[in-house]
């Protein structure tokens, strides 16, 4: 995987990113990778692209998108004005899982958080994703809080 590049996503990557989001048991019921893409995906991409506190990242190997994540930089007053990096929507192509790609991508994202001055990196994972939870714990993440959501 020496020819792997981690970079900010561009609009041309969007179909591959949506396909990655749909490439698991939870994503199959939530996402729609059919082309042309639902305009809500392109609208969301435009909003992410325009926001300096958002980064949609991909792992690219010779033009093939193998993984993605979204990184949000959150300013806060607590902890003396600490900035946080929030990692979401981590996906690795099913055919490349187990090759260390996810770990490399997370280390890349953590490095960006350090460069931006974040003092904390946080993420959530669905409770049904036990493999993902073990993966994040292996990287040093701790389940220190209970996350809660309200669907609107």
N, C-alpha and C. Protein backbone atom coordinates (compact mmCIF):
# COMPACT_ATOMS: atom_id res chain seq x y z
N UNK A 1 0.82 -1.20 0.00
CA UNK A 1 0.00 0.00 0.00
C UNK A 1 0.86 1.26 0.00
N UNK A 2 2.07 1.16 -0.51
CA UNK A 2 2.94 2.33 -0.54
C UNK A 2 2.46 3.39 -1.52
N UNK A 3 1.61 3.02 -2.46
CA UNK A 3 1.09 3.98 -3.42
C UNK A 3 -0.23 4.60 -2.95
N UNK A 4 -0.51 4.48 -1.66
CA UNK A 4 -1.73 5.00 -1.07
C UNK A 4 -1.54 6.47 -0.70
N UNK A 5 -2.55 7.28 -1.03
CA UNK A 5 -2.51 8.71 -0.71
C UNK A 5 -3.74 9.04 0.13
N UNK A 6 -3.52 9.74 1.23
CA UNK A 6 -4.63 10.27 2.03
C UNK A 6 -4.77 11.73 1.66
N UNK A 7 -6.00 12.15 1.33
CA UNK A 7 -6.20 13.52 0.86
C UNK A 7 -7.63 13.96 1.12
N UNK A 8 -7.82 15.27 0.94
CA UNK A 8 -9.17 15.84 0.99
C UNK A 8 -9.94 15.33 -0.23
N UNK A 9 -11.19 14.97 -0.02
CA UNK A 9 -12.02 14.48 -1.12
C UNK A 9 -12.38 15.62 -2.06
N UNK A 10 -12.59 15.27 -3.32
CA UNK A 10 -13.10 16.24 -4.29
C UNK A 10 -14.46 15.74 -4.80
N UNK A 11 -15.14 16.60 -5.52
CA UNK A 11 -16.49 16.29 -5.97
C UNK A 11 -16.55 15.00 -6.81
N UNK A 12 -15.50 14.73 -7.57
CA UNK A 12 -15.46 13.52 -8.37
C UNK A 12 -15.40 12.23 -7.56
N UNK A 13 -15.00 12.35 -6.29
CA UNK A 13 -14.93 11.19 -5.40
C UNK A 13 -16.28 10.82 -4.80
N UNK A 14 -17.25 11.70 -4.93
CA UNK A 14 -18.52 11.53 -4.22
C UNK A 14 -19.23 10.20 -4.50
N UNK A 15 -19.36 9.73 -5.74
CA UNK A 15 -20.01 8.43 -5.94
C UNK A 15 -19.30 7.29 -5.21
N UNK A 16 -17.98 7.30 -5.20
CA UNK A 16 -17.22 6.25 -4.51
C UNK A 16 -17.42 6.34 -2.99
N UNK A 17 -17.48 7.56 -2.47
CA UNK A 17 -17.70 7.74 -1.02
C UNK A 17 -19.08 7.23 -0.62
N UNK A 18 -20.10 7.57 -1.39
CA UNK A 18 -21.45 7.10 -1.07
C UNK A 18 -21.51 5.58 -1.17
N UNK A 19 -20.81 5.00 -2.15
CA UNK A 19 -20.77 3.54 -2.26
C UNK A 19 -20.11 2.92 -1.03
N UNK A 20 -19.05 3.54 -0.50
CA UNK A 20 -18.43 3.05 0.72
C UNK A 20 -19.40 3.14 1.90
N UNK A 21 -20.13 4.25 2.01
CA UNK A 21 -21.08 4.41 3.10
C UNK A 21 -22.18 3.35 3.06
N UNK A 22 -22.51 2.88 1.86
CA UNK A 22 -23.56 1.87 1.69
C UNK A 22 -23.03 0.45 1.79
N UNK A 23 -21.71 0.28 1.92
CA UNK A 23 -21.07 -1.04 1.85
C UNK A 23 -20.99 -1.74 3.20
N UNK A 24 -22.05 -1.73 3.98
CA UNK A 24 -22.12 -2.55 5.18
C UNK A 24 -23.58 -2.72 5.58
N UNK A 25 -23.82 -3.53 6.60
CA UNK A 25 -25.20 -3.87 6.95
C UNK A 25 -26.02 -2.65 7.36
N UNK A 26 -25.45 -1.71 8.06
CA UNK A 26 -26.21 -0.51 8.45
C UNK A 26 -26.37 0.44 7.26
N UNK A 27 -25.32 0.63 6.50
CA UNK A 27 -25.35 1.56 5.38
C UNK A 27 -26.30 1.14 4.27
N UNK A 28 -26.46 -0.16 4.07
CA UNK A 28 -27.37 -0.63 3.02
C UNK A 28 -28.78 -0.12 3.22
N UNK A 29 -29.18 0.04 4.48
CA UNK A 29 -30.55 0.51 4.74
C UNK A 29 -30.65 2.03 4.80
N UNK A 30 -29.51 2.73 4.88
CA UNK A 30 -29.54 4.18 5.04
C UNK A 30 -29.13 4.96 3.81
N UNK A 31 -28.32 4.37 2.96
CA UNK A 31 -27.71 5.09 1.84
C UNK A 31 -28.26 4.61 0.51
N UNK A 32 -28.07 5.43 -0.52
CA UNK A 32 -28.52 5.10 -1.87
C UNK A 32 -27.40 5.44 -2.85
N UNK A 33 -26.57 4.46 -3.22
CA UNK A 33 -25.44 4.74 -4.11
C UNK A 33 -25.78 4.78 -5.60
N UNK A 34 -27.06 4.63 -5.94
CA UNK A 34 -27.44 4.63 -7.36
C UNK A 34 -27.10 5.96 -8.01
N UNK A 35 -26.71 5.85 -9.27
CA UNK A 35 -26.39 7.04 -10.07
C UNK A 35 -27.58 7.38 -10.96
N UNK A 36 -27.86 8.63 -11.20
CA UNK A 36 -27.18 9.77 -10.60
C UNK A 36 -27.49 9.83 -9.10
N UNK A 37 -26.54 10.37 -8.34
CA UNK A 37 -26.70 10.46 -6.90
C UNK A 37 -27.87 11.37 -6.54
N UNK A 38 -28.50 11.03 -5.44
CA UNK A 38 -29.52 11.88 -4.86
C UNK A 38 -28.89 13.27 -4.65
N UNK A 39 -29.55 14.34 -5.06
CA UNK A 39 -28.98 15.69 -4.91
C UNK A 39 -28.64 16.07 -3.47
N UNK A 40 -29.23 15.40 -2.51
CA UNK A 40 -28.91 15.71 -1.11
C UNK A 40 -27.44 15.39 -0.81
N UNK A 41 -26.87 14.38 -1.49
CA UNK A 41 -25.45 14.08 -1.30
C UNK A 41 -24.58 15.23 -1.84
N UNK A 42 -24.92 15.72 -3.01
CA UNK A 42 -24.11 16.81 -3.58
C UNK A 42 -24.29 18.10 -2.78
N UNK A 43 -25.49 18.34 -2.27
CA UNK A 43 -25.71 19.51 -1.41
C UNK A 43 -24.87 19.40 -0.14
N UNK A 44 -24.86 18.22 0.46
CA UNK A 44 -24.07 18.02 1.68
C UNK A 44 -22.58 18.19 1.39
N UNK A 45 -22.13 17.63 0.26
CA UNK A 45 -20.72 17.78 -0.10
C UNK A 45 -20.37 19.26 -0.25
N UNK A 46 -21.23 20.03 -0.90
CA UNK A 46 -20.97 21.46 -1.07
C UNK A 46 -20.85 22.17 0.27
N UNK A 47 -21.71 21.82 1.22
CA UNK A 47 -21.66 22.44 2.55
C UNK A 47 -20.37 22.06 3.27
N UNK A 48 -19.97 20.81 3.18
CA UNK A 48 -18.72 20.35 3.81
C UNK A 48 -17.53 21.07 3.19
N UNK A 49 -17.52 21.12 1.88
CA UNK A 49 -16.42 21.74 1.14
C UNK A 49 -16.26 23.23 1.48
N UNK A 50 -17.38 23.91 1.74
CA UNK A 50 -17.35 25.35 2.00
C UNK A 50 -17.00 25.69 3.45
N UNK A 51 -17.03 24.72 4.34
CA UNK A 51 -16.83 24.96 5.78
C UNK A 51 -15.37 24.67 6.15
N UNK A 52 -14.61 25.66 6.61
CA UNK A 52 -13.21 25.42 6.96
C UNK A 52 -13.01 24.49 8.15
N UNK A 53 -14.07 24.21 8.89
CA UNK A 53 -13.97 23.28 10.02
C UNK A 53 -14.45 21.87 9.68
N UNK A 54 -14.53 21.59 8.38
CA UNK A 54 -14.91 20.26 7.91
C UNK A 54 -13.86 19.74 6.95
N UNK A 55 -13.59 18.45 7.03
CA UNK A 55 -12.70 17.81 6.07
C UNK A 55 -13.26 16.43 5.76
N UNK A 56 -13.56 16.20 4.51
CA UNK A 56 -13.98 14.88 4.05
C UNK A 56 -12.74 14.26 3.44
N UNK A 57 -12.22 13.22 4.07
CA UNK A 57 -10.96 12.62 3.63
C UNK A 57 -11.16 11.28 2.96
N UNK A 58 -10.25 10.96 2.06
CA UNK A 58 -10.28 9.67 1.37
C UNK A 58 -8.88 9.07 1.34
N UNK A 59 -8.86 7.75 1.21
CA UNK A 59 -7.64 7.01 0.92
C UNK A 59 -7.73 6.62 -0.55
N UNK A 60 -6.79 7.05 -1.34
CA UNK A 60 -6.81 6.90 -2.80
C UNK A 60 -5.60 6.06 -3.22
N UNK A 61 -5.86 4.99 -3.93
CA UNK A 61 -4.79 4.20 -4.51
C UNK A 61 -4.99 4.18 -6.03
N UNK A 62 -4.16 4.97 -6.69
CA UNK A 62 -4.18 5.06 -8.15
C UNK A 62 -5.58 5.37 -8.69
N UNK A 63 -6.24 6.32 -8.05
CA UNK A 63 -7.56 6.76 -8.50
C UNK A 63 -8.71 5.95 -7.95
N UNK A 64 -8.44 4.91 -7.20
CA UNK A 64 -9.52 4.12 -6.59
C UNK A 64 -9.66 4.53 -5.13
N UNK A 65 -10.86 4.92 -4.73
CA UNK A 65 -11.13 5.34 -3.35
C UNK A 65 -11.39 4.09 -2.52
N UNK A 66 -10.52 3.86 -1.53
CA UNK A 66 -10.59 2.64 -0.71
C UNK A 66 -11.13 2.88 0.69
N UNK A 67 -11.14 4.14 1.13
CA UNK A 67 -11.64 4.44 2.47
C UNK A 67 -12.02 5.92 2.54
N UNK A 68 -12.85 6.24 3.53
CA UNK A 68 -13.24 7.64 3.72
C UNK A 68 -13.53 7.89 5.19
N UNK A 69 -13.56 9.16 5.54
CA UNK A 69 -13.99 9.60 6.86
C UNK A 69 -14.31 11.08 6.78
N UNK A 70 -15.08 11.54 7.74
CA UNK A 70 -15.35 12.97 7.86
C UNK A 70 -14.78 13.45 9.18
N UNK A 71 -14.07 14.56 9.11
CA UNK A 71 -13.43 15.15 10.28
C UNK A 71 -14.00 16.54 10.49
N UNK A 72 -14.49 16.80 11.69
CA UNK A 72 -15.04 18.10 12.05
C UNK A 72 -14.21 18.68 13.19
N UNK A 73 -13.83 19.93 13.05
CA UNK A 73 -13.07 20.63 14.08
C UNK A 73 -14.04 21.48 14.88
N UNK A 74 -14.13 21.22 16.18
CA UNK A 74 -15.15 21.83 17.02
C UNK A 74 -14.49 22.73 18.07
N UNK A 75 -14.75 24.04 18.01
CA UNK A 75 -14.25 24.91 19.09
C UNK A 75 -15.16 24.75 20.30
N UNK A 76 -14.59 24.95 21.47
CA UNK A 76 -15.41 24.85 22.67
C UNK A 76 -14.88 25.72 23.79
N UNK A 77 -15.73 26.04 24.72
CA UNK A 77 -15.32 26.82 25.88
C UNK A 77 -14.80 25.91 26.99
N UNK A 78 -15.36 24.70 27.10
CA UNK A 78 -14.93 23.81 28.17
C UNK A 78 -13.47 23.40 27.96
N UNK A 79 -12.87 22.99 29.05
CA UNK A 79 -11.45 22.60 29.04
C UNK A 79 -10.56 23.75 28.56
N UNK A 80 -10.93 24.95 28.99
CA UNK A 80 -10.15 26.16 28.69
C UNK A 80 -10.07 26.46 27.19
N UNK A 81 -11.17 26.31 26.51
CA UNK A 81 -11.22 26.65 25.09
C UNK A 81 -10.65 25.58 24.17
N UNK A 82 -10.66 24.35 24.62
CA UNK A 82 -10.09 23.23 23.86
C UNK A 82 -10.84 22.99 22.54
N UNK A 83 -10.09 22.82 21.47
CA UNK A 83 -10.65 22.39 20.19
C UNK A 83 -10.67 20.86 20.18
N UNK A 84 -11.71 20.31 19.56
CA UNK A 84 -11.85 18.86 19.43
C UNK A 84 -11.91 18.49 17.95
N UNK A 85 -11.39 17.34 17.65
CA UNK A 85 -11.58 16.75 16.33
C UNK A 85 -12.62 15.66 16.47
N UNK A 86 -13.67 15.72 15.67
CA UNK A 86 -14.74 14.71 15.68
C UNK A 86 -14.62 13.89 14.41
N UNK A 87 -14.40 12.59 14.54
CA UNK A 87 -14.28 11.69 13.39
C UNK A 87 -15.59 10.94 13.23
N UNK A 88 -16.12 10.96 12.01
CA UNK A 88 -17.38 10.28 11.71
C UNK A 88 -17.28 9.59 10.35
N UNK A 89 -18.24 8.72 10.09
CA UNK A 89 -18.42 8.08 8.78
C UNK A 89 -17.15 7.41 8.27
N UNK A 90 -16.49 6.69 9.15
CA UNK A 90 -15.29 5.95 8.76
C UNK A 90 -15.73 4.69 8.02
N UNK A 91 -15.24 4.53 6.82
CA UNK A 91 -15.54 3.33 6.04
C UNK A 91 -14.30 2.90 5.28
N UNK A 92 -14.11 1.59 5.23
CA UNK A 92 -13.03 0.97 4.45
C UNK A 92 -13.69 -0.02 3.51
N UNK A 93 -13.28 0.00 2.25
CA UNK A 93 -13.85 -0.92 1.25
C UNK A 93 -13.76 -2.35 1.76
N UNK A 94 -14.83 -3.09 1.62
CA UNK A 94 -14.89 -4.45 2.17
C UNK A 94 -13.76 -5.34 1.66
N UNK A 95 -13.32 -5.15 0.44
CA UNK A 95 -12.25 -5.97 -0.11
C UNK A 95 -10.87 -5.68 0.43
N UNK A 96 -10.73 -4.57 1.18
CA UNK A 96 -9.41 -4.21 1.72
C UNK A 96 -9.38 -4.21 3.25
N UNK A 97 -10.46 -4.62 3.88
CA UNK A 97 -10.47 -4.65 5.35
C UNK A 97 -9.47 -5.68 5.86
N UNK A 98 -8.84 -5.35 6.96
CA UNK A 98 -7.85 -6.25 7.55
C UNK A 98 -6.43 -6.03 7.06
N UNK A 99 -6.23 -5.04 6.19
CA UNK A 99 -4.90 -4.77 5.64
C UNK A 99 -4.19 -3.61 6.33
N UNK A 100 -4.80 -3.04 7.37
CA UNK A 100 -4.19 -1.92 8.08
C UNK A 100 -4.54 -0.56 7.53
N UNK A 101 -5.37 -0.52 6.51
CA UNK A 101 -5.75 0.74 5.88
C UNK A 101 -6.52 1.64 6.85
N UNK A 102 -7.46 1.08 7.59
CA UNK A 102 -8.24 1.88 8.54
C UNK A 102 -7.35 2.52 9.60
N UNK A 103 -6.40 1.77 10.11
CA UNK A 103 -5.49 2.32 11.12
C UNK A 103 -4.67 3.46 10.53
N UNK A 104 -4.16 3.28 9.34
CA UNK A 104 -3.37 4.34 8.70
C UNK A 104 -4.23 5.58 8.46
N UNK A 105 -5.47 5.38 8.05
CA UNK A 105 -6.35 6.53 7.80
C UNK A 105 -6.66 7.28 9.10
N UNK A 106 -6.93 6.53 10.17
CA UNK A 106 -7.20 7.18 11.46
C UNK A 106 -5.96 7.92 11.97
N UNK A 107 -4.78 7.36 11.80
CA UNK A 107 -3.56 8.04 12.22
C UNK A 107 -3.36 9.33 11.41
N UNK A 108 -3.69 9.29 10.13
CA UNK A 108 -3.64 10.49 9.28
C UNK A 108 -4.58 11.57 9.85
N UNK A 109 -5.82 11.16 10.17
CA UNK A 109 -6.81 12.12 10.69
C UNK A 109 -6.37 12.67 12.05
N UNK A 110 -5.83 11.84 12.91
CA UNK A 110 -5.35 12.29 14.21
C UNK A 110 -4.21 13.29 14.03
N UNK A 111 -3.34 13.03 13.07
CA UNK A 111 -2.25 13.97 12.77
C UNK A 111 -2.78 15.33 12.33
N UNK A 112 -3.82 15.34 11.53
CA UNK A 112 -4.43 16.61 11.11
C UNK A 112 -5.01 17.34 12.32
N UNK A 113 -5.63 16.60 13.22
CA UNK A 113 -6.17 17.21 14.45
C UNK A 113 -5.05 17.86 15.25
N UNK A 114 -3.93 17.19 15.37
CA UNK A 114 -2.78 17.78 16.09
C UNK A 114 -2.33 19.06 15.39
N UNK A 115 -2.21 19.01 14.06
CA UNK A 115 -1.78 20.19 13.31
C UNK A 115 -2.73 21.36 13.51
N UNK A 116 -4.01 21.09 13.65
CA UNK A 116 -5.02 22.14 13.85
C UNK A 116 -5.11 22.61 15.29
N UNK A 117 -4.32 22.01 16.19
CA UNK A 117 -4.31 22.43 17.58
C UNK A 117 -5.38 21.78 18.45
N UNK A 118 -5.98 20.72 17.98
CA UNK A 118 -6.98 20.02 18.79
C UNK A 118 -6.30 19.35 19.98
N UNK A 119 -6.96 19.38 21.12
CA UNK A 119 -6.45 18.71 22.30
C UNK A 119 -7.14 17.39 22.58
N UNK A 120 -8.11 17.05 21.74
CA UNK A 120 -8.90 15.84 21.94
C UNK A 120 -9.45 15.39 20.59
N UNK A 121 -9.46 14.10 20.37
CA UNK A 121 -10.11 13.52 19.20
C UNK A 121 -11.18 12.58 19.71
N UNK A 122 -12.37 12.71 19.17
CA UNK A 122 -13.49 11.88 19.61
C UNK A 122 -14.21 11.30 18.41
N UNK A 123 -14.94 10.24 18.67
CA UNK A 123 -15.74 9.62 17.61
C UNK A 123 -16.88 8.86 18.26
N UNK A 124 -17.85 8.52 17.45
CA UNK A 124 -18.92 7.63 17.89
C UNK A 124 -18.94 6.44 16.96
N UNK A 125 -19.43 5.34 17.47
CA UNK A 125 -19.64 4.18 16.63
C UNK A 125 -20.94 3.52 17.06
N UNK A 126 -21.66 2.98 16.12
CA UNK A 126 -22.93 2.33 16.43
C UNK A 126 -22.67 1.17 17.39
N UNK A 127 -23.54 1.00 18.37
CA UNK A 127 -23.37 -0.06 19.35
C UNK A 127 -23.33 -1.45 18.72
N UNK A 128 -23.94 -1.60 17.56
CA UNK A 128 -23.95 -2.91 16.90
C UNK A 128 -22.63 -3.23 16.20
N UNK A 129 -21.75 -2.27 16.08
CA UNK A 129 -20.47 -2.47 15.40
C UNK A 129 -19.39 -2.89 16.40
N UNK A 130 -19.45 -4.11 16.88
CA UNK A 130 -18.50 -4.57 17.88
C UNK A 130 -17.07 -4.64 17.33
N UNK A 131 -16.92 -5.01 16.07
CA UNK A 131 -15.57 -5.04 15.46
C UNK A 131 -14.98 -3.63 15.41
N UNK A 132 -15.80 -2.65 15.07
CA UNK A 132 -15.32 -1.27 14.99
C UNK A 132 -14.91 -0.79 16.38
N UNK A 133 -15.68 -1.14 17.37
CA UNK A 133 -15.35 -0.72 18.74
C UNK A 133 -13.99 -1.30 19.16
N UNK A 134 -13.75 -2.58 18.89
CA UNK A 134 -12.45 -3.18 19.20
C UNK A 134 -11.33 -2.49 18.44
N UNK A 135 -11.58 -2.15 17.19
CA UNK A 135 -10.59 -1.46 16.37
C UNK A 135 -10.22 -0.11 16.99
N UNK A 136 -11.22 0.69 17.37
CA UNK A 136 -10.96 2.00 17.95
C UNK A 136 -10.24 1.88 19.30
N UNK A 137 -10.63 0.90 20.10
CA UNK A 137 -9.95 0.69 21.38
C UNK A 137 -8.49 0.31 21.18
N UNK A 138 -8.21 -0.47 20.16
CA UNK A 138 -6.83 -0.85 19.84
C UNK A 138 -5.99 0.39 19.52
N UNK A 139 -6.62 1.41 18.95
CA UNK A 139 -5.93 2.65 18.61
C UNK A 139 -5.81 3.61 19.80
N UNK A 140 -6.38 3.23 20.95
CA UNK A 140 -6.26 4.06 22.14
C UNK A 140 -7.51 4.83 22.52
N UNK A 141 -8.57 4.74 21.74
CA UNK A 141 -9.81 5.42 22.09
C UNK A 141 -10.45 4.70 23.27
N UNK A 142 -11.07 5.47 24.16
CA UNK A 142 -11.75 4.91 25.32
C UNK A 142 -13.23 5.29 25.28
N UNK A 143 -14.06 4.35 25.68
CA UNK A 143 -15.51 4.61 25.76
C UNK A 143 -15.78 5.33 27.06
N UNK A 144 -15.48 6.64 27.10
CA UNK A 144 -15.58 7.42 28.32
C UNK A 144 -16.95 8.06 28.53
N UNK A 145 -17.76 8.14 27.49
CA UNK A 145 -19.07 8.79 27.56
C UNK A 145 -20.11 7.94 26.85
N UNK A 146 -21.35 8.14 27.19
CA UNK A 146 -22.45 7.52 26.44
C UNK A 146 -22.96 8.56 25.47
N UNK A 147 -23.02 8.21 24.19
CA UNK A 147 -23.58 9.11 23.20
C UNK A 147 -25.07 8.91 23.08
N UNK A 148 -25.76 9.97 22.76
CA UNK A 148 -27.21 9.90 22.59
C UNK A 148 -27.58 10.67 21.34
N UNK A 149 -28.62 10.22 20.67
CA UNK A 149 -29.09 10.87 19.45
C UNK A 149 -30.60 10.99 19.48
N UNK A 150 -31.08 12.00 18.79
CA UNK A 150 -32.51 12.19 18.63
C UNK A 150 -32.77 12.40 17.15
N UNK A 151 -33.45 11.46 16.52
CA UNK A 151 -33.77 11.58 15.10
C UNK A 151 -34.86 12.64 14.93
N UNK A 152 -34.68 13.52 13.95
CA UNK A 152 -35.65 14.58 13.69
C UNK A 152 -36.35 14.35 12.36
